[in-house]
Amino acid sequence: MSARPLRLGPLEIPGCAVKKSGIVWLYPDGAWCDSGQIIGFCNVNLEMFGGGHVPQPFGPDTVLQVALASPAAGRLRADPETAFGGYLDFLGVQAWNGESVIGTLETPEDSEAPLHMRHRMLAGKLLTSLANFGTGLLPGWHTSARAWRRETAGIPKTLLTLAMCDVRGPLRGAQEAFIEFFEESQSPWHVIVASNELVVPNAVCVREQFERDEAAFELIARDIERVIFNGPVKPTARDHFFAGLLLESLRASPIRERHDIITTAGLQKSEPPAAIILSANAEQMFMLRHKTLRYHLQFYHFQFAAMGPASKAWMNASFEQADRTIAGIRNDYEALFSAVRAKIDTKFIILNRMSSSGREDLAYYAPFDAPLAKTLAHIAAKEINLVLHDLAAAGLIDIIDTDAIAAEIGAAQHLPDGVHQSGEMASRIRAEIIALMPV
């Protein structure tokens, strides 16, 4: 075994000072590490030369981290002085020096040549700086979380996920930091998980957000201000929170956003998404439509209980139920694909729905009015899966067959509610996603 120096590795951005926190090691001294395994991380601050007059990259509400991946297989001997402890393992206080030795790696090769750590970049855009809480990998409440390999030559392709839990889990992984994705894939892609915590990303809402201009957004904002804040019901803190979260959800389309990234060429802007992942679980048989402005909303059911009294009064007075049909859902998908592809060249990947459950015990369907999909969720799931099959046959989408994976490994154990997976189920879905992302 040879003890080879581990160097931090270069992270240079022209015109910018890079500062790092202490290193948080994820494995104890003496642990065996595989090549590419993430073994530690640090927080990073970027300061553009020129002071406050120069826009700061990544913006003020972004948590930026470097996850350190082992450059070879071997036994880790971390330098304890690289961990500063306390807040200094959270704050960027030390200038980045790529040649600094942060430990050694005992490898089977007979060599004393130094090794440079590989960098896996992590960026989390906070809903607000007030949500910058906690420590660890990608802490805080994010509207989007991103990951990419810094060693990528050129600008990497972007994979955008408009996340529900069934997509977020496989990509962000058990520690919410894309660790499994990096360790299981050699893909150079820039991966974004956009988390809308309030509005369900169904085909209609995603298209409307993509097409919405500033004037349309201002009309929505003024309506919320008029009814929630100046209406007959006195708003509470919950109403203020709900209104702010809703406006943030409706303001900008993640499909249109471009992000700062760091590669071997320095600071660059990401390209439009080359692939977009959606979930068929977002498509339900009804949603809400504003009576005058005519835009649509679909909320997660648990969000209604969290609304304040003024928000509930606004919903009751200003919205009506908009029923959907299976044919209408197909039309909504096609309208979304057409609108987005008129602006950017991208492919759509959709996770289908689990279409059966061990809890189903219906002996006959005569008591139920047609169409059955309106009242029976498992019938709706089967028919929506057929819609996806037709869209795939037409060359419009690729399908991740969640239904088949759950049937193979056991839905009761690995997908009990049809959305939230076990670790094994998430791993299988992640492998399917990786297979659709060419290196």
Protein backbone atom coordinates (compact mmCIF):
# COMPACT_ATOMS: atom_id res chain seq x y z
CA MET A 1 0.00 0.00 0.00
CA SER A 2 1.21 3.50 -0.86
CA ALA A 3 0.22 6.61 1.05
CA ARG A 4 -0.55 9.19 -1.63
CA PRO A 5 -1.19 12.84 -0.77
CA LEU A 6 -4.76 14.00 -1.33
CA ARG A 7 -4.87 17.53 -2.69
CA LEU A 8 -7.98 19.67 -2.59
CA GLY A 9 -7.89 20.21 -6.35
CA PRO A 10 -8.23 23.37 -8.46
CA LEU A 11 -11.35 25.54 -8.31
CA GLU A 12 -10.47 28.73 -10.14
CA ILE A 13 -12.90 31.38 -11.39
CA PRO A 14 -11.41 34.37 -13.21
CA GLY A 15 -12.29 37.65 -11.50
CA CYS A 16 -13.54 35.90 -8.37
CA ALA A 17 -12.17 34.96 -4.95
CA VAL A 18 -13.23 31.48 -3.80
CA LYS A 19 -13.47 30.88 -0.06
CA LYS A 20 -14.27 27.61 1.67
CA SER A 21 -15.40 26.38 5.05
CA GLY A 22 -13.75 23.62 6.97
CA ILE A 23 -14.16 20.16 5.46
CA VAL A 24 -16.86 17.89 6.88
CA TRP A 25 -15.69 14.32 6.46
CA LEU A 26 -18.46 11.78 5.86
CA TYR A 27 -16.33 8.74 6.77
CA PRO A 28 -14.04 8.07 9.74
CA ASP A 29 -10.28 7.96 9.51
CA GLY A 30 -9.18 4.61 8.14
CA ALA A 31 -12.37 3.94 6.17
CA TRP A 32 -12.06 2.23 2.80
CA CYS A 33 -13.32 4.42 -0.06
CA ASP A 34 -14.14 3.43 -3.60
CA SER A 35 -13.14 5.55 -6.58
CA GLY A 36 -15.75 8.27 -7.11
CA GLN A 37 -17.27 7.84 -3.64
CA ILE A 38 -18.20 11.14 -1.98
CA ILE A 39 -16.20 11.27 1.25
CA GLY A 40 -16.57 14.86 2.41
CA PHE A 41 -17.82 18.33 1.54
CA CYS A 42 -17.36 22.01 2.26
CA ASN A 43 -19.38 25.18 1.77
CA VAL A 44 -18.11 27.73 -0.72
CA ASN A 45 -18.51 31.50 -1.02
CA LEU A 46 -17.73 33.40 -4.22
CA GLU A 47 -16.70 37.06 -4.06
CA MET A 48 -16.37 38.93 -7.34
CA PHE A 49 -13.55 41.43 -7.51
CA GLY A 50 -15.00 44.94 -7.51
CA GLY A 51 -17.06 44.68 -4.33
CA GLY A 52 -20.78 45.33 -4.04
CA HIS A 53 -21.03 47.02 -7.46
CA VAL A 54 -20.48 43.68 -9.25
CA PRO A 55 -23.35 41.15 -9.30
CA GLN A 56 -22.43 38.09 -7.29
CA PRO A 57 -22.65 34.73 -9.11
CA PHE A 58 -25.38 32.33 -7.98
CA GLY A 59 -27.22 35.16 -6.23
CA PRO A 60 -27.63 35.91 -2.52
CA ASP A 61 -30.09 33.10 -1.78
CA THR A 62 -28.06 30.11 -2.96
CA VAL A 63 -26.21 27.56 -0.85
CA LEU A 64 -23.13 26.46 -2.81
CA GLN A 65 -21.14 23.38 -1.81
CA VAL A 66 -18.37 21.20 -3.16
CA ALA A 67 -18.80 17.49 -2.48
CA LEU A 68 -15.41 15.81 -2.54
CA ALA A 69 -15.22 12.50 -4.41
CA SER A 70 -12.32 10.12 -3.93
CA PRO A 71 -10.04 10.07 -7.02
CA ALA A 72 -9.13 6.40 -6.49
CA ALA A 73 -9.92 3.41 -4.33
CA GLY A 74 -8.05 3.29 -1.05
CA ARG A 75 -8.02 3.82 2.70
CA LEU A 76 -8.73 7.38 3.81
CA ARG A 77 -6.45 9.19 6.21
CA ALA A 78 -8.03 12.62 6.65
CA ASP A 79 -6.04 15.51 8.06
CA PRO A 80 -7.99 16.48 11.23
CA GLU A 81 -6.89 20.11 10.87
CA THR A 82 -9.00 20.46 7.72
CA ALA A 83 -12.16 20.34 9.86
CA PHE A 84 -12.38 23.67 11.69
CA GLY A 85 -15.40 22.79 13.82
CA GLY A 86 -18.43 24.84 14.83
CA TYR A 87 -19.65 27.57 12.50
CA LEU A 88 -16.33 27.51 10.61
CA ASP A 89 -17.43 24.21 9.02
CA PHE A 90 -20.38 26.17 7.65
CA LEU A 91 -18.97 29.60 6.73
CA GLY A 92 -16.54 30.30 3.91
CA VAL A 93 -13.51 31.65 5.79
CA GLN A 94 -10.44 30.23 4.05
CA ALA A 95 -9.15 31.00 0.55
CA TRP A 96 -9.38 27.97 -1.73
CA ASN A 97 -5.96 26.46 -2.45
CA GLY A 98 -6.14 23.57 -4.87
CA GLU A 99 -2.64 22.37 -3.99
CA SER A 100 -3.27 22.11 -0.24
CA VAL A 101 -2.97 18.58 1.14
CA ILE A 102 -6.08 17.53 3.06
CA GLY A 103 -5.06 13.96 3.85
CA THR A 104 -3.67 10.81 2.29
CA LEU A 105 -5.16 7.85 0.47
CA GLU A 106 -3.53 4.46 0.95
CA THR A 107 -3.84 2.78 -2.44
CA PRO A 108 -2.73 -0.62 -3.76
CA GLU A 109 -0.61 1.04 -6.48
CA ASP A 110 3.09 1.50 -5.81
CA SER A 111 3.14 5.26 -6.29
CA GLU A 112 3.68 8.39 -4.24
CA ALA A 113 2.19 10.76 -6.84
CA PRO A 114 -0.39 13.11 -5.34
CA LEU A 115 -4.06 12.73 -6.14
CA HIS A 116 -6.50 15.60 -6.70
CA MET A 117 -10.01 15.36 -5.29
CA ARG A 118 -12.87 15.29 -7.77
CA HIS A 119 -15.51 17.95 -7.32
CA ARG A 120 -19.25 17.39 -7.39
CA MET A 121 -20.91 20.79 -7.29
CA LEU A 122 -24.12 21.25 -5.28
CA ALA A 123 -26.29 24.38 -5.38
CA GLY A 124 -29.56 24.97 -3.56
CA LYS A 125 -31.64 28.07 -4.29
CA LEU A 126 -33.37 29.03 -1.05
CA LEU A 127 -37.00 30.06 -1.00
CA THR A 128 -35.74 32.98 1.10
CA SER A 129 -32.55 33.75 3.00
CA LEU A 130 -34.68 33.29 6.13
CA ALA A 131 -34.90 29.59 5.21
CA ASN A 132 -31.11 29.16 5.39
CA PHE A 133 -31.19 26.86 8.39
CA GLY A 134 -29.21 23.82 9.44
CA THR A 135 -25.91 22.36 8.38
CA GLY A 136 -24.93 19.33 6.35
CA LEU A 137 -25.38 18.60 2.67
CA LEU A 138 -27.68 21.11 0.92
CA PRO A 139 -29.38 22.44 4.06
CA GLY A 140 -32.39 24.76 3.94
CA TRP A 141 -35.69 25.00 2.08
CA HIS A 142 -34.99 25.12 -1.64
CA THR A 143 -37.05 26.07 -4.66
CA SER A 144 -34.47 24.15 -6.67
CA ALA A 145 -31.50 21.91 -5.95
CA ARG A 146 -28.80 21.29 -8.55
CA ALA A 147 -25.77 19.08 -9.03
CA TRP A 148 -23.06 18.63 -11.68
CA ARG A 149 -19.45 17.52 -12.13
CA ARG A 150 -17.00 20.41 -12.12
CA GLU A 151 -14.56 18.44 -14.30
CA THR A 152 -17.03 18.58 -17.20
CA ALA A 153 -15.47 20.03 -20.33
CA GLY A 154 -17.71 22.68 -21.83
CA ILE A 155 -21.28 23.35 -20.75
CA PRO A 156 -23.07 20.16 -19.62
CA LYS A 157 -26.54 19.27 -20.80
CA THR A 158 -29.32 20.03 -18.33
CA LEU A 159 -31.83 17.54 -16.97
CA LEU A 160 -34.77 19.34 -15.32
CA THR A 161 -37.14 17.57 -12.97
CA LEU A 162 -40.42 19.24 -12.08
CA ALA A 163 -40.48 17.32 -8.89
CA MET A 164 -43.04 15.35 -7.07
CA CYS A 165 -41.80 12.96 -4.42
CA ASP A 166 -41.70 10.01 -6.85
CA VAL A 167 -39.08 11.85 -8.96
CA ARG A 168 -37.29 13.81 -6.26
CA GLY A 169 -36.44 10.72 -4.21
CA PRO A 170 -34.57 8.78 -6.91
CA LEU A 171 -32.52 11.81 -8.01
CA ARG A 172 -31.70 13.54 -4.71
CA GLY A 173 -31.32 10.28 -2.82
CA ALA A 174 -31.40 9.40 0.85
CA GLN A 175 -29.31 12.40 1.95
CA GLU A 176 -31.01 14.80 -0.49
CA ALA A 177 -27.60 15.59 -2.04
CA PHE A 178 -27.50 13.51 -5.28
CA ILE A 179 -24.87 11.20 -3.75
CA GLU A 180 -26.32 7.98 -5.17
CA PHE A 181 -26.80 9.61 -8.56
CA PHE A 182 -23.11 10.59 -8.72
CA GLU A 183 -21.91 7.20 -7.54
CA GLU A 184 -24.10 5.22 -9.94
CA SER A 185 -23.72 7.40 -13.02
CA GLN A 186 -20.85 8.78 -15.07
CA SER A 187 -23.24 11.21 -16.70
CA PRO A 188 -21.83 14.73 -17.13
CA TRP A 189 -25.32 16.23 -17.01
CA HIS A 190 -26.35 19.22 -14.92
CA VAL A 191 -29.31 17.92 -12.89
CA ILE A 192 -31.99 20.23 -11.47
CA VAL A 193 -34.75 19.19 -9.10
CA ALA A 194 -37.25 22.07 -9.05
CA SER A 195 -39.44 21.74 -5.98
CA ASN A 196 -42.79 23.51 -6.07
CA GLU A 197 -44.02 22.93 -2.54
CA LEU A 198 -47.50 24.31 -3.24
CA VAL A 199 -48.67 23.97 -6.85
CA VAL A 200 -48.73 20.46 -8.32
CA PRO A 201 -46.78 20.42 -11.62
CA ASN A 202 -49.49 18.96 -13.86
CA ALA A 203 -49.41 19.52 -17.62
CA VAL A 204 -51.79 22.51 -17.50
CA CYS A 205 -50.06 24.36 -14.66
CA VAL A 206 -46.60 23.76 -16.16
CA ARG A 207 -47.68 25.07 -19.57
CA GLU A 208 -49.42 28.13 -18.15
CA GLN A 209 -46.38 28.98 -16.06
CA PHE A 210 -44.12 28.56 -19.10
CA GLU A 211 -46.32 30.89 -21.18
CA ARG A 212 -47.12 33.44 -18.45
CA ASP A 213 -45.61 36.89 -18.98
CA GLU A 214 -44.96 39.61 -16.43
CA ALA A 215 -48.24 41.40 -17.15
CA ALA A 216 -50.27 38.24 -16.47
CA PHE A 217 -48.32 37.62 -13.27
CA GLU A 218 -49.03 41.18 -12.07
CA LEU A 219 -52.76 40.60 -12.53
CA ILE A 220 -52.53 37.51 -10.33
CA ALA A 221 -50.47 39.36 -7.73
CA ARG A 222 -52.93 42.28 -7.57
CA ASP A 223 -55.87 39.87 -7.21
CA ILE A 224 -54.16 38.13 -4.29
CA GLU A 225 -53.38 41.48 -2.66
CA ARG A 226 -56.95 42.73 -3.14
CA VAL A 227 -58.75 39.66 -1.78
CA ILE A 228 -56.36 38.14 0.76
CA PHE A 229 -54.79 41.26 2.25
CA ASN A 230 -57.59 43.81 1.73
CA GLY A 231 -60.64 41.56 1.70
CA PRO A 232 -63.38 40.97 4.27
CA VAL A 233 -61.42 38.32 6.23
CA LYS A 234 -58.52 39.50 8.36
CA PRO A 235 -55.32 37.79 7.21
CA THR A 236 -53.14 35.86 9.64
CA ALA A 237 -49.47 34.90 9.46
CA ARG A 238 -50.54 31.74 7.63
CA ASP A 239 -52.17 33.84 4.92
CA HIS A 240 -49.05 35.94 4.43
CA PHE A 241 -46.95 32.80 4.20
CA PHE A 242 -49.34 31.13 1.75
CA ALA A 243 -49.53 34.22 -0.49
CA GLY A 244 -45.76 34.60 -0.62
CA LEU A 245 -45.25 30.92 -1.40
CA LEU A 246 -47.94 30.97 -4.10
CA LEU A 247 -46.49 34.06 -5.79
CA GLU A 248 -43.02 32.50 -5.76
CA SER A 249 -44.51 29.34 -7.29
CA LEU A 250 -46.21 31.26 -10.11
CA ARG A 251 -43.55 33.88 -10.84
CA ALA A 252 -41.05 32.12 -13.07
CA SER A 253 -40.99 28.91 -15.08
CA PRO A 254 -38.12 26.54 -14.17
CA ILE A 255 -38.03 25.58 -17.87
CA ARG A 256 -37.03 29.14 -18.78
CA GLU A 257 -34.49 29.67 -15.99
CA ARG A 258 -30.75 29.65 -16.72
CA HIS A 259 -28.30 28.98 -13.90
CA ASP A 260 -24.72 29.75 -12.97
CA ILE A 261 -22.46 26.69 -13.10
CA ILE A 262 -18.74 26.17 -12.50
CA THR A 263 -16.75 23.96 -14.88
CA THR A 264 -13.10 23.64 -15.89
CA ALA A 265 -13.69 26.75 -18.02
CA GLY A 266 -14.77 28.79 -14.98
CA LEU A 267 -18.15 30.42 -14.41
CA GLN A 268 -20.73 29.74 -17.14
CA LYS A 269 -24.49 29.80 -17.72
CA SER A 270 -26.45 26.58 -18.11
CA GLU A 271 -28.21 25.77 -21.35
CA PRO A 272 -31.98 25.17 -21.74
CA PRO A 273 -33.01 21.73 -20.47
CA ALA A 274 -32.24 18.95 -22.91
CA ALA A 275 -34.64 16.69 -21.01
CA ILE A 276 -37.56 17.35 -18.66
CA ILE A 277 -38.97 14.78 -16.22
CA LEU A 278 -42.62 14.86 -15.15
CA SER A 279 -44.78 12.52 -13.09
CA ALA A 280 -48.16 11.18 -14.18
CA ASN A 281 -49.15 11.31 -10.50
CA ALA A 282 -49.58 15.05 -11.02
CA GLU A 283 -52.52 14.48 -13.39
CA GLN A 284 -55.75 14.29 -11.40
CA MET A 285 -59.35 14.32 -12.62
CA PHE A 286 -60.09 17.86 -11.46
CA MET A 287 -58.28 21.06 -10.58
CA LEU A 288 -59.16 24.66 -9.75
CA ARG A 289 -59.74 27.47 -12.26
CA HIS A 290 -59.82 31.18 -11.42
CA LYS A 291 -63.25 32.55 -12.32
CA THR A 292 -62.00 35.73 -13.99
CA LEU A 293 -58.28 35.33 -14.75
CA ARG A 294 -58.86 31.74 -15.96
CA TYR A 295 -55.53 30.31 -14.82
CA HIS A 296 -55.45 26.91 -13.11
CA LEU A 297 -54.12 25.61 -9.82
CA GLN A 298 -53.81 22.16 -8.34
CA PHE A 299 -52.70 21.85 -4.73
CA TYR A 300 -51.41 18.98 -2.66
CA HIS A 301 -54.34 17.98 -0.45
CA PHE A 302 -52.46 18.59 2.81
CA GLN A 303 -51.85 22.22 1.82
CA PHE A 304 -55.51 23.15 2.28
CA ALA A 305 -55.31 22.50 6.02
CA ALA A 306 -52.29 24.82 6.26
CA MET A 307 -54.04 27.80 4.65
CA GLY A 308 -55.15 30.76 6.73
CA PRO A 309 -58.75 32.02 6.84
CA ALA A 310 -58.27 34.80 4.28
CA SER A 311 -56.63 32.38 1.82
CA LYS A 312 -59.49 29.91 2.20
CA ALA A 313 -62.01 32.72 1.64
CA TRP A 314 -60.12 33.74 -1.51
CA MET A 315 -60.13 30.15 -2.81
CA ASN A 316 -63.87 29.74 -2.14
CA ALA A 317 -64.84 33.06 -3.74
CA SER A 318 -62.43 33.22 -6.68
CA PHE A 319 -62.08 29.64 -7.96
CA GLU A 320 -64.30 26.98 -9.45
CA GLN A 321 -63.75 23.29 -10.00
CA ALA A 322 -62.51 22.37 -13.47
CA ASP A 323 -63.23 18.73 -14.28
CA ARG A 324 -60.88 16.81 -16.56
CA THR A 325 -61.29 13.82 -18.83
CA ILE A 326 -58.72 11.25 -19.91
CA ALA A 327 -58.88 12.62 -23.47
CA GLY A 328 -58.46 16.11 -22.05
CA ILE A 329 -55.34 15.07 -20.12
CA ARG A 330 -53.83 13.77 -23.35
CA ASN A 331 -54.65 17.09 -25.04
CA ASP A 332 -53.07 18.94 -22.11
CA TYR A 333 -49.87 16.93 -22.48
CA GLU A 334 -49.72 17.60 -26.21
CA ALA A 335 -50.34 21.32 -25.67
CA LEU A 336 -47.46 21.43 -23.15
CA PHE A 337 -45.06 19.60 -25.49
CA SER A 338 -45.98 21.88 -28.39
CA ALA A 339 -45.57 25.10 -26.36
CA VAL A 340 -42.17 24.13 -24.93
CA ARG A 341 -40.74 22.63 -28.12
CA ALA A 342 -41.68 25.75 -30.04
CA LYS A 343 -39.05 27.52 -27.91
CA ILE A 344 -36.43 24.86 -27.03
CA ASP A 345 -35.32 21.47 -28.30
CA THR A 346 -35.99 19.07 -25.45
CA LYS A 347 -37.29 15.60 -24.71
CA PHE A 348 -39.89 14.72 -22.10
CA ILE A 349 -39.60 11.77 -19.72
CA ILE A 350 -42.67 10.82 -17.68
CA LEU A 351 -42.99 8.42 -14.76
CA ASN A 352 -46.22 6.49 -15.11
CA ARG A 353 -48.54 5.59 -12.24
CA MET A 354 -48.94 2.44 -10.21
CA SER A 355 -52.20 1.16 -11.65
CA SER A 356 -53.22 -1.51 -9.16
CA SER A 357 -53.17 -2.12 -5.44
CA GLY A 358 -53.55 -5.08 -3.14
CA ARG A 359 -56.22 -3.09 -1.32
CA GLU A 360 -58.64 -3.17 -4.25
CA ASP A 361 -61.59 -5.44 -3.42
CA LEU A 362 -64.33 -4.36 -5.84
CA ALA A 363 -66.35 -7.36 -7.06
CA TYR A 364 -68.31 -5.40 -9.68
CA TYR A 365 -68.55 -1.85 -11.00
CA ALA A 366 -72.29 -1.45 -11.61
CA PRO A 367 -72.79 1.04 -8.72
CA PHE A 368 -70.32 3.51 -10.23
CA ASP A 369 -71.28 6.06 -12.87
CA ALA A 370 -69.30 6.32 -16.08
CA PRO A 371 -66.65 7.34 -16.69
CA LEU A 372 -65.13 5.18 -13.97
CA ALA A 373 -61.90 7.19 -13.98
CA LYS A 374 -63.72 10.08 -12.32
CA THR A 375 -64.39 8.18 -9.11
CA LEU A 376 -61.96 5.24 -9.07
CA ALA A 377 -58.29 6.22 -8.80
CA HIS A 378 -56.93 2.89 -10.00
CA ILE A 379 -59.04 3.10 -13.16
CA ALA A 380 -57.78 6.65 -13.77
CA ALA A 381 -54.21 5.41 -13.30
CA LYS A 382 -54.67 2.62 -15.86
CA GLU A 383 -56.21 4.97 -18.42
CA ILE A 384 -53.56 7.66 -17.92
CA ASN A 385 -50.87 4.99 -18.37
CA LEU A 386 -52.52 4.09 -21.68
CA VAL A 387 -52.36 7.76 -22.68
CA LEU A 388 -48.62 7.74 -21.95
CA HIS A 389 -48.25 4.60 -24.06
CA ASP A 390 -49.92 6.35 -26.99
CA LEU A 391 -47.75 9.46 -26.55
CA ALA A 392 -44.62 7.29 -26.48
CA ALA A 393 -45.75 5.41 -29.60
CA ALA A 394 -46.09 8.79 -31.31
CA GLY A 395 -42.50 9.64 -30.37
CA LEU A 396 -43.49 12.45 -27.99
CA ILE A 397 -42.14 11.04 -24.68
CA ASP A 398 -40.08 8.38 -22.99
CA ILE A 399 -41.68 6.44 -20.12
CA ILE A 400 -40.19 5.34 -16.81
CA ASP A 401 -42.36 2.30 -16.07
CA THR A 402 -42.94 2.72 -12.33
CA ASP A 403 -45.94 0.40 -12.62
CA ALA A 404 -43.87 -2.51 -13.94
CA ILE A 405 -41.04 -1.98 -11.43
CA ALA A 406 -43.48 -1.95 -8.50
CA ALA A 407 -45.20 -5.09 -9.79
CA GLU A 408 -41.86 -6.87 -10.12
CA ILE A 409 -40.41 -6.12 -6.67
CA GLY A 410 -43.65 -5.79 -4.71
CA ALA A 411 -45.75 -2.63 -4.50
CA ALA A 412 -47.02 -3.25 -0.96
CA GLN A 413 -43.48 -3.16 0.39
CA HIS A 414 -41.78 -0.75 -1.99
CA LEU A 415 -44.52 1.67 -3.17
CA PRO A 416 -47.30 1.40 -0.57
CA ASP A 417 -49.14 4.63 -1.43
CA GLY A 418 -48.28 4.72 -5.14
CA VAL A 419 -45.94 7.71 -4.79
CA HIS A 420 -43.35 7.33 -2.01
CA GLN A 421 -40.77 4.62 -2.68
CA SER A 422 -38.43 2.44 -0.69
CA GLY A 423 -34.69 2.77 -1.24
CA GLU A 424 -34.69 -0.21 -3.60
CA MET A 425 -37.56 1.21 -5.65
CA ALA A 426 -35.85 4.61 -5.85
CA SER A 427 -32.64 2.91 -7.00
CA ARG A 428 -34.47 1.08 -9.78
CA ILE A 429 -36.12 4.29 -11.00
CA ARG A 430 -32.80 6.14 -10.82
CA ALA A 431 -31.20 3.46 -13.00
CA GLU A 432 -33.95 3.91 -15.58
CA ILE A 433 -33.40 7.69 -15.61
CA ILE A 434 -29.63 7.28 -15.96
CA ALA A 435 -30.15 4.90 -18.89
CA LEU A 436 -32.01 7.67 -20.73
CA MET A 437 -29.17 10.18 -20.17
CA PRO A 438 -26.35 9.42 -22.65
CA VAL A 439 -22.81 10.21 -21.46
